[in-house]
Amino acid sequence: MAFLCDDDLYLDGEVDEILRVVASKEYAFVGLNYYGFRKDKNKPTKINFAPEKDVYFERAYEIWNYPSVGHFSGFILNSRLAKQYLPIVSRPKHYKTLGVNRGIIGDVATHLTLSTTLPAYFMGKRKLAARTPEKVDYDNLYHLCIDYYNYYHDLFIRGLIKKGDLEYRKKLVLSRLPRAIISDGPRLSDKELKDIASTLSEWFKGNKKFDHVCFPLLVLMKFNIFKLLAKMAKNIYCSAKSIKNKLNV
């Protein structure tokens, strides 16, 4: 059972490669390596994902701790297992951004790999071209940091994933947090910033990067002058990125 979003595409020969892999052994999940492009699939704009090598995972869930596994067009699910989870998966109400589409697909795939003794497989050759949209329908702070970590924290509390699995997510979130705070913080109210600081402190207090960088940024966001500086920095970054993309095209 493969997902292929309407703005992405398999390159020539990819379907045959997928069929070869799934015919060779029963896997719970197969992940595809990919590259990003803007308008022309022959002009990659982002390729710094996983190395171009195939990887076998005896414990299927371990594939989620591998870079580049996360683009839904790169998901190949074992149909027999997926059908067991599609009817029963639902998003808890306390998630702000994971209630639809990506959250449900990701939850099915995650529980599928946690519930099986079958292995997973990563196809390293980049034969999935994923278009990078001009604008996305989610934000960095809630979607890619708070809800993202909350989801895996819940799995850990329920005993479904290991401490090392959660530490991997913590590392990813802390690498995103500073930019996410600067990007999304200016539009948040003081109460929202206070609630976010409280939530993140429960998870990350004691971590040097959080204590010395992320938490001070959240505090500074309460001041209008800093919000203004953050907005200016974001506008400059977006303008520079837009110019770079146009030059690449």
C-alpha atoms as a PDB file:
ATOM      1  CA  MET A   1       0.000   0.000   0.000  1.00  0.00           C
ATOM      2  CA  ALA A   2       1.831   3.063  -1.272  1.00  0.00           C
ATOM      3  CA  PHE A   3       1.159   6.759  -0.724  1.00  0.00           C
ATOM      4  CA  LEU A   4       2.044   9.144  -3.528  1.00  0.00           C
ATOM      5  CA  CYS A   5       1.066  12.779  -3.032  1.00  0.00           C
ATOM      6  CA  ASP A   6      -0.212  14.641  -6.084  1.00  0.00           C
ATOM      7  CA  ASP A   7       2.805  16.942  -6.416  1.00  0.00           C
ATOM      8  CA  ASP A   8       5.453  14.178  -6.168  1.00  0.00           C
ATOM      9  CA  LEU A   9       6.488  11.485  -8.617  1.00  0.00           C
ATOM     10  CA  TYR A  10       8.401   8.254  -8.975  1.00  0.00           C
ATOM     11  CA  LEU A  11      11.261   8.405 -11.455  1.00  0.00           C
ATOM     12  CA  ASP A  12      11.559   5.826 -14.223  1.00  0.00           C
ATOM     13  CA  GLY A  13      12.063   2.328 -12.868  1.00  0.00           C
ATOM     14  CA  GLU A  14      10.996   3.083  -9.277  1.00  0.00           C
ATOM     15  CA  VAL A  15       7.817   0.976  -9.400  1.00  0.00           C
ATOM     16  CA  ASP A  16       9.812  -2.021 -10.647  1.00  0.00           C
ATOM     17  CA  GLU A  17      12.346  -1.508  -7.831  1.00  0.00           C
ATOM     18  CA  ILE A  18       9.573  -1.353  -5.217  1.00  0.00           C
ATOM     19  CA  LEU A  19       7.983  -4.531  -6.579  1.00  0.00           C
ATOM     20  CA  ARG A  20      11.368  -6.271  -6.534  1.00  0.00           C
ATOM     21  CA  VAL A  21      11.919  -5.399  -2.858  1.00  0.00           C
ATOM     22  CA  VAL A  22       8.454  -6.361  -1.619  1.00  0.00           C
ATOM     23  CA  ALA A  23       8.599  -9.619  -3.578  1.00  0.00           C
ATOM     24  CA  SER A  24      11.968 -10.594  -2.086  1.00  0.00           C
ATOM     25  CA  LYS A  25      10.727 -10.720   1.537  1.00  0.00           C
ATOM     26  CA  GLU A  26       7.691  -9.731   3.597  1.00  0.00           C
ATOM     27  CA  TYR A  27       8.357  -6.364   5.219  1.00  0.00           C
ATOM     28  CA  ALA A  28       6.179  -4.375   7.601  1.00  0.00           C
ATOM     29  CA  PHE A  29       7.286  -1.116   6.012  1.00  0.00           C
ATOM     30  CA  VAL A  30       9.468   0.068   3.131  1.00  0.00           C
ATOM     31  CA  GLY A  31      10.782   3.650   3.053  1.00  0.00           C
ATOM     32  CA  LEU A  32      12.017   5.491  -0.035  1.00  0.00           C
ATOM     33  CA  ASN A  33      14.879   7.970  -0.238  1.00  0.00           C
ATOM     34  CA  TYR A  34      14.057  11.165  -2.121  1.00  0.00           C
ATOM     35  CA  TYR A  35      15.145  14.629  -3.185  1.00  0.00           C
ATOM     36  CA  GLY A  36      13.323  17.949  -3.324  1.00  0.00           C
ATOM     37  CA  PHE A  37      12.637  20.090  -6.383  1.00  0.00           C
ATOM     38  CA  ARG A  38      10.745  23.309  -7.095  1.00  0.00           C
ATOM     39  CA  LYS A  39       9.448  23.177 -10.683  1.00  0.00           C
ATOM     40  CA  ASP A  40      11.748  20.920 -12.682  1.00  0.00           C
ATOM     41  CA  LYS A  41      12.291  17.373 -11.380  1.00  0.00           C
ATOM     42  CA  ASN A  42      15.651  17.335 -13.176  1.00  0.00           C
ATOM     43  CA  LYS A  43      16.916  20.215 -11.006  1.00  0.00           C
ATOM     44  CA  PRO A  44      17.100  18.982  -7.397  1.00  0.00           C
ATOM     45  CA  THR A  45      17.077  21.739  -4.766  1.00  0.00           C
ATOM     46  CA  LYS A  46      17.541  19.588  -1.679  1.00  0.00           C
ATOM     47  CA  ILE A  47      19.309  16.244  -1.450  1.00  0.00           C
ATOM     48  CA  ASN A  48      20.861  16.300   2.031  1.00  0.00           C
ATOM     49  CA  PHE A  49      18.752  13.460   3.352  1.00  0.00           C
ATOM     50  CA  ALA A  50      19.877   9.865   3.850  1.00  0.00           C
ATOM     51  CA  PRO A  51      22.875   8.339   2.023  1.00  0.00           C
ATOM     52  CA  GLU A  52      22.114   6.453  -1.192  1.00  0.00           C
ATOM     53  CA  LYS A  53      22.404   2.981   0.293  1.00  0.00           C
ATOM     54  CA  ASP A  54      19.850   0.322   1.176  1.00  0.00           C
ATOM     55  CA  VAL A  55      19.373  -0.419   4.880  1.00  0.00           C
ATOM     56  CA  TYR A  56      17.712  -3.418   6.554  1.00  0.00           C
ATOM     57  CA  PHE A  57      16.026  -2.983   9.967  1.00  0.00           C
ATOM     58  CA  GLU A  58      15.404  -6.131  11.991  1.00  0.00           C
ATOM     59  CA  ARG A  59      13.236  -4.134  14.402  1.00  0.00           C
ATOM     60  CA  ALA A  60      10.822  -2.414  12.045  1.00  0.00           C
ATOM     61  CA  TYR A  61      10.378   0.703  14.195  1.00  0.00           C
ATOM     62  CA  GLU A  62      14.105   1.491  13.925  1.00  0.00           C
ATOM     63  CA  ILE A  63      13.470   2.854  10.437  1.00  0.00           C
ATOM     64  CA  TRP A  64      11.846   5.912  12.074  1.00  0.00           C
ATOM     65  CA  ASN A  65      15.167   6.693  13.742  1.00  0.00           C
ATOM     66  CA  TYR A  66      16.852   6.900  10.355  1.00  0.00           C
ATOM     67  CA  PRO A  67      17.203  10.222   8.480  1.00  0.00           C
ATOM     68  CA  SER A  68      15.004  10.873   5.437  1.00  0.00           C
ATOM     69  CA  VAL A  69      12.141   8.604   6.528  1.00  0.00           C
ATOM     70  CA  GLY A  70       9.233  10.958   6.980  1.00  0.00           C
ATOM     71  CA  HIS A  71       7.979  12.030   3.570  1.00  0.00           C
ATOM     72  CA  PHE A  72       4.604  10.375   3.052  1.00  0.00           C
ATOM     73  CA  SER A  73       5.199   9.791  -0.651  1.00  0.00           C
ATOM     74  CA  GLY A  74       8.026   7.521   0.499  1.00  0.00           C
ATOM     75  CA  PHE A  75       5.762   5.256   2.585  1.00  0.00           C
ATOM     76  CA  ILE A  76       5.122   1.676   1.452  1.00  0.00           C
ATOM     77  CA  LEU A  77       2.986  -0.161   4.027  1.00  0.00           C
ATOM     78  CA  ASN A  78       2.365  -3.862   4.351  1.00  0.00           C
ATOM     79  CA  SER A  79      -1.293  -3.988   3.255  1.00  0.00           C
ATOM     80  CA  ARG A  80      -2.213  -6.848   5.575  1.00  0.00           C
ATOM     81  CA  LEU A  81      -0.947  -4.962   8.623  1.00  0.00           C
ATOM     82  CA  ALA A  82      -2.170  -1.537   7.513  1.00  0.00           C
ATOM     83  CA  LYS A  83      -5.756  -2.740   7.165  1.00  0.00           C
ATOM     84  CA  GLN A  84      -5.694  -3.806  10.814  1.00  0.00           C
ATOM     85  CA  TYR A  85      -4.885  -0.277  11.959  1.00  0.00           C
ATOM     86  CA  LEU A  86      -6.695   2.000   9.501  1.00  0.00           C
ATOM     87  CA  PRO A  87     -10.123   1.538  11.146  1.00  0.00           C
ATOM     88  CA  ILE A  88      -8.989   2.063  14.748  1.00  0.00           C
ATOM     89  CA  VAL A  89      -6.453   4.883  14.726  1.00  0.00           C
ATOM     90  CA  SER A  90      -7.669   8.264  15.991  1.00  0.00           C
ATOM     91  CA  ARG A  91      -5.952  11.443  17.084  1.00  0.00           C
ATOM     92  CA  PRO A  92      -6.310  12.505  20.723  1.00  0.00           C
ATOM     93  CA  LYS A  93      -7.864  15.952  21.094  1.00  0.00           C
ATOM     94  CA  HIS A  94      -4.865  17.516  22.830  1.00  0.00           C
ATOM     95  CA  TYR A  95      -2.882  17.550  19.601  1.00  0.00           C
ATOM     96  CA  LYS A  96      -3.234  20.952  17.946  1.00  0.00           C
ATOM     97  CA  THR A  97      -2.032  20.064  14.444  1.00  0.00           C
ATOM     98  CA  LEU A  98      -1.929  16.271  14.062  1.00  0.00           C
ATOM     99  CA  GLY A  99      -5.668  15.671  13.802  1.00  0.00           C
ATOM    100  CA  VAL A 100      -5.965  15.092  10.081  1.00  0.00           C
ATOM    101  CA  ASN A 101      -4.155  13.744   7.018  1.00  0.00           C
ATOM    102  CA  ARG A 102      -0.453  13.513   7.889  1.00  0.00           C
ATOM    103  CA  GLY A 103      -1.094  12.742  11.556  1.00  0.00           C
ATOM    104  CA  ILE A 104      -3.369   9.816  10.784  1.00  0.00           C
ATOM    105  CA  ILE A 105      -1.113   8.373   8.062  1.00  0.00           C
ATOM    106  CA  GLY A 106       1.916   8.689  10.330  1.00  0.00           C
ATOM    107  CA  ASP A 107       0.080   7.094  13.248  1.00  0.00           C
ATOM    108  CA  VAL A 108      -0.960   4.093  11.169  1.00  0.00           C
ATOM    109  CA  ALA A 109       2.613   3.613   9.933  1.00  0.00           C
ATOM    110  CA  THR A 110       4.084   4.020  13.418  1.00  0.00           C
ATOM    111  CA  HIS A 111       1.746   1.539  15.112  1.00  0.00           C
ATOM    112  CA  LEU A 112       2.180  -0.857  12.235  1.00  0.00           C
ATOM    113  CA  THR A 113       5.953  -1.027  12.780  1.00  0.00           C
ATOM    114  CA  LEU A 114       5.543  -1.248  16.573  1.00  0.00           C
ATOM    115  CA  SER A 115       3.119  -4.162  16.429  1.00  0.00           C
ATOM    116  CA  THR A 116       5.041  -6.602  14.283  1.00  0.00           C
ATOM    117  CA  THR A 117       8.058  -8.879  14.297  1.00  0.00           C
ATOM    118  CA  LEU A 118       8.515  -8.310  10.567  1.00  0.00           C
ATOM    119  CA  PRO A 119      11.505  -6.162   9.492  1.00  0.00           C
ATOM    120  CA  ALA A 120      11.549  -2.853   7.602  1.00  0.00           C
ATOM    121  CA  TYR A 121      13.639  -1.809   4.596  1.00  0.00           C
ATOM    122  CA  PHE A 122      14.952   1.488   3.308  1.00  0.00           C
ATOM    123  CA  MET A 123      15.588   1.927  -0.425  1.00  0.00           C
ATOM    124  CA  GLY A 124      18.528   4.296  -0.678  1.00  0.00           C
ATOM    125  CA  LYS A 125      18.593   5.263  -4.345  1.00  0.00           C
ATOM    126  CA  ARG A 126      16.829   8.616  -4.798  1.00  0.00           C
ATOM    127  CA  LYS A 127      14.086   7.796  -7.270  1.00  0.00           C
ATOM    128  CA  LEU A 128      11.300   9.736  -5.553  1.00  0.00           C
ATOM    129  CA  ALA A 129      11.096  13.394  -6.565  1.00  0.00           C
ATOM    130  CA  ALA A 130       9.212  15.467  -3.975  1.00  0.00           C
ATOM    131  CA  ARG A 131       8.114  18.963  -4.942  1.00  0.00           C
ATOM    132  CA  THR A 132       8.846  21.623  -2.357  1.00  0.00           C
ATOM    133  CA  PRO A 133       5.723  23.825  -2.029  1.00  0.00           C
ATOM    134  CA  GLU A 134       5.869  27.604  -1.891  1.00  0.00           C
ATOM    135  CA  LYS A 135       3.765  27.540   1.259  1.00  0.00           C
ATOM    136  CA  VAL A 136       2.880  24.774   3.727  1.00  0.00           C
ATOM    137  CA  ASP A 137      -0.291  24.362   5.793  1.00  0.00           C
ATOM    138  CA  TYR A 138       1.433  23.841   9.142  1.00  0.00           C
ATOM    139  CA  ASP A 139       3.737  25.825  11.386  1.00  0.00           C
ATOM    140  CA  ASN A 140       7.158  25.034  12.768  1.00  0.00           C
ATOM    141  CA  LEU A 141       6.531  25.571  16.475  1.00  0.00           C
ATOM    142  CA  TYR A 142       3.347  23.588  17.073  1.00  0.00           C
ATOM    143  CA  HIS A 143       3.453  21.032  14.281  1.00  0.00           C
ATOM    144  CA  LEU A 144       7.168  20.235  14.004  1.00  0.00           C
ATOM    145  CA  CYS A 145       8.111  20.751  17.649  1.00  0.00           C
ATOM    146  CA  ILE A 146       5.375  20.657  20.300  1.00  0.00           C
ATOM    147  CA  ASP A 147       2.852  18.217  18.812  1.00  0.00           C
ATOM    148  CA  TYR A 148       5.646  16.243  17.192  1.00  0.00           C
ATOM    149  CA  TYR A 149       7.443  15.597  20.477  1.00  0.00           C
ATOM    150  CA  ASN A 150       4.189  15.193  22.440  1.00  0.00           C
ATOM    151  CA  TYR A 151       3.187  12.362  20.126  1.00  0.00           C
ATOM    152  CA  TYR A 152       6.391  10.390  20.718  1.00  0.00           C
ATOM    153  CA  HIS A 153       6.390  11.262  24.420  1.00  0.00           C
ATOM    154  CA  ASP A 154       2.939   9.660  24.653  1.00  0.00           C
ATOM    155  CA  LEU A 155       4.236   6.537  22.906  1.00  0.00           C
ATOM    156  CA  PHE A 156       7.072   6.373  25.432  1.00  0.00           C
ATOM    157  CA  ILE A 157       4.757   6.832  28.440  1.00  0.00           C
ATOM    158  CA  ARG A 158       2.574   4.014  27.086  1.00  0.00           C
ATOM    159  CA  GLY A 159       5.641   1.793  26.868  1.00  0.00           C
ATOM    160  CA  LEU A 160       5.509   1.449  23.090  1.00  0.00           C
ATOM    161  CA  ILE A 161       8.915   2.972  22.264  1.00  0.00           C
ATOM    162  CA  LYS A 162      12.267   2.876  24.045  1.00  0.00           C
ATOM    163  CA  LYS A 163      14.125   5.684  25.805  1.00  0.00           C
ATOM    164  CA  GLY A 164      16.632   5.835  22.939  1.00  0.00           C
ATOM    165  CA  ASP A 165      13.772   6.307  20.466  1.00  0.00           C
ATOM    166  CA  LEU A 166      12.495   9.291  22.464  1.00  0.00           C
ATOM    167  CA  GLU A 167      16.005  10.761  22.796  1.00  0.00           C
ATOM    168  CA  TYR A 168      16.289  10.741  19.001  1.00  0.00           C
ATOM    169  CA  ARG A 169      13.081  12.833  18.766  1.00  0.00           C
ATOM    170  CA  LYS A 170      14.311  15.177  21.497  1.00  0.00           C
ATOM    171  CA  LYS A 171      17.497  15.835  19.535  1.00  0.00           C
ATOM    172  CA  LEU A 172      15.503  16.615  16.372  1.00  0.00           C
ATOM    173  CA  VAL A 173      13.096  18.958  18.159  1.00  0.00           C
ATOM    174  CA  LEU A 174      15.841  20.874  19.968  1.00  0.00           C
ATOM    175  CA  SER A 175      17.602  21.410  16.629  1.00  0.00           C
ATOM    176  CA  ARG A 176      14.394  22.983  15.224  1.00  0.00           C
ATOM    177  CA  LEU A 177      13.231  24.954  18.261  1.00  0.00           C
ATOM    178  CA  PRO A 178      15.289  28.175  18.025  1.00  0.00           C
ATOM    179  CA  ARG A 179      14.274  28.897  14.433  1.00  0.00           C
ATOM    180  CA  ALA A 180      10.680  27.828  15.150  1.00  0.00           C
ATOM    181  CA  ILE A 181      10.416  30.248  18.078  1.00  0.00           C
ATOM    182  CA  ILE A 182      11.786  33.135  16.016  1.00  0.00           C
ATOM    183  CA  SER A 183       9.565  32.232  13.059  1.00  0.00           C
ATOM    184  CA  ASP A 184       6.246  31.688  14.854  1.00  0.00           C
ATOM    185  CA  GLY A 185       6.709  33.435  18.203  1.00  0.00           C
ATOM    186  CA  PRO A 186       5.856  36.991  17.058  1.00  0.00           C
ATOM    187  CA  ARG A 187       2.237  36.081  16.242  1.00  0.00           C
ATOM    188  CA  LEU A 188       1.580  34.404  19.615  1.00  0.00           C
ATOM    189  CA  SER A 189       0.023  36.039  22.666  1.00  0.00           C
ATOM    190  CA  ASP A 190       1.837  36.287  25.996  1.00  0.00           C
ATOM    191  CA  LYS A 191      -0.417  33.551  27.398  1.00  0.00           C
ATOM    192  CA  GLU A 192       0.383  31.223  24.504  1.00  0.00           C
ATOM    193  CA  LEU A 193       4.102  31.872  24.937  1.00  0.00           C
ATOM    194  CA  LYS A 194       3.823  31.216  28.679  1.00  0.00           C
ATOM    195  CA  ASP A 195       1.949  27.943  28.104  1.00  0.00           C
ATOM    196  CA  ILE A 196       4.481  26.847  25.483  1.00  0.00           C
ATOM    197  CA  ALA A 197       7.406  27.672  27.787  1.00  0.00           C
ATOM    198  CA  SER A 198       5.778  25.677  30.579  1.00  0.00           C
ATOM    199  CA  THR A 199       5.152  22.655  28.350  1.00  0.00           C
ATOM    200  CA  LEU A 200       8.648  22.646  26.844  1.00  0.00           C
ATOM    201  CA  SER A 201      10.240  23.100  30.280  1.00  0.00           C
ATOM    202  CA  GLU A 202       8.581  19.907  31.480  1.00  0.00           C
ATOM    203  CA  TRP A 203      10.270  18.010  28.691  1.00  0.00           C
ATOM    204  CA  PHE A 204      13.612  19.737  28.187  1.00  0.00           C
ATOM    205  CA  LYS A 205      14.577  21.623  31.363  1.00  0.00           C
ATOM    206  CA  GLY A 206      18.163  20.743  32.241  1.00  0.00           C
ATOM    207  CA  ASN A 207      19.232  20.489  28.614  1.00  0.00           C
ATOM    208  CA  LYS A 208      21.869  23.164  27.933  1.00  0.00           C
ATOM    209  CA  LYS A 209      20.519  24.170  24.525  1.00  0.00           C
ATOM    210  CA  PHE A 210      17.009  24.573  25.889  1.00  0.00           C
ATOM    211  CA  ASP A 211      18.065  26.400  29.073  1.00  0.00           C
ATOM    212  CA  HIS A 212      20.564  28.754  27.398  1.00  0.00           C
ATOM    213  CA  VAL A 213      18.949  29.338  23.984  1.00  0.00           C
ATOM    214  CA  CYS A 214      15.336  28.212  23.588  1.00  0.00           C
ATOM    215  CA  PHE A 215      13.880  29.289  26.933  1.00  0.00           C
ATOM    216  CA  PRO A 216      15.479  32.787  26.797  1.00  0.00           C
ATOM    217  CA  LEU A 217      14.077  33.208  23.268  1.00  0.00           C
ATOM    218  CA  LEU A 218      10.570  32.409  24.539  1.00  0.00           C
ATOM    219  CA  VAL A 219      10.978  34.983  27.319  1.00  0.00           C
ATOM    220  CA  LEU A 220      12.247  37.641  24.907  1.00  0.00           C
ATOM    221  CA  MET A 221       9.258  37.033  22.612  1.00  0.00           C
ATOM    222  CA  LYS A 222       7.051  38.741  25.207  1.00  0.00           C
ATOM    223  CA  PHE A 223       8.688  42.066  24.362  1.00  0.00           C
ATOM    224  CA  ASN A 224       7.348  43.930  21.316  1.00  0.00           C
ATOM    225  CA  ILE A 225      10.794  45.137  20.235  1.00  0.00           C
ATOM    226  CA  PHE A 226      12.054  41.557  20.041  1.00  0.00           C
ATOM    227  CA  LYS A 227       8.925  40.435  18.182  1.00  0.00           C
ATOM    228  CA  LEU A 228       9.602  43.192  15.648  1.00  0.00           C
ATOM    229  CA  LEU A 229      13.245  42.108  15.247  1.00  0.00           C
ATOM    230  CA  ALA A 230      12.145  38.492  14.808  1.00  0.00           C
ATOM    231  CA  LYS A 231       9.650  39.491  12.098  1.00  0.00           C
ATOM    232  CA  MET A 232      12.363  41.459  10.299  1.00  0.00           C
ATOM    233  CA  ALA A 233      14.750  38.510  10.487  1.00  0.00           C
ATOM    234  CA  LYS A 234      12.073  36.161   9.139  1.00  0.00           C
ATOM    235  CA  ASN A 235      11.254  38.514   6.239  1.00  0.00           C
ATOM    236  CA  ILE A 236      14.920  38.840   5.310  1.00  0.00           C
ATOM    237  CA  TYR A 237      15.362  35.060   5.461  1.00  0.00           C
ATOM    238  CA  CYS A 238      12.244  34.416   3.328  1.00  0.00           C
ATOM    239  CA  SER A 239      13.313  37.020   0.751  1.00  0.00           C
ATOM    240  CA  ALA A 240      16.811  35.566   0.496  1.00  0.00           C
ATOM    241  CA  LYS A 241      15.386  32.048   0.174  1.00  0.00           C
ATOM    242  CA  SER A 242      12.975  33.172  -2.555  1.00  0.00           C
ATOM    243  CA  ILE A 243      15.776  34.797  -4.542  1.00  0.00           C
ATOM    244  CA  LYS A 244      17.938  31.696  -4.175  1.00  0.00           C
ATOM    245  CA  ASN A 245      15.101  29.441  -5.376  1.00  0.00           C
ATOM    246  CA  LYS A 246      14.479  31.619  -8.414  1.00  0.00           C
ATOM    247  CA  LEU A 247      18.161  31.530  -9.307  1.00  0.00           C
ATOM    248  CA  ASN A 248      18.201  27.737  -8.970  1.00  0.00           C
ATOM    249  CA  VAL A 249      15.187  27.428 -11.273  1.00  0.00           C
END
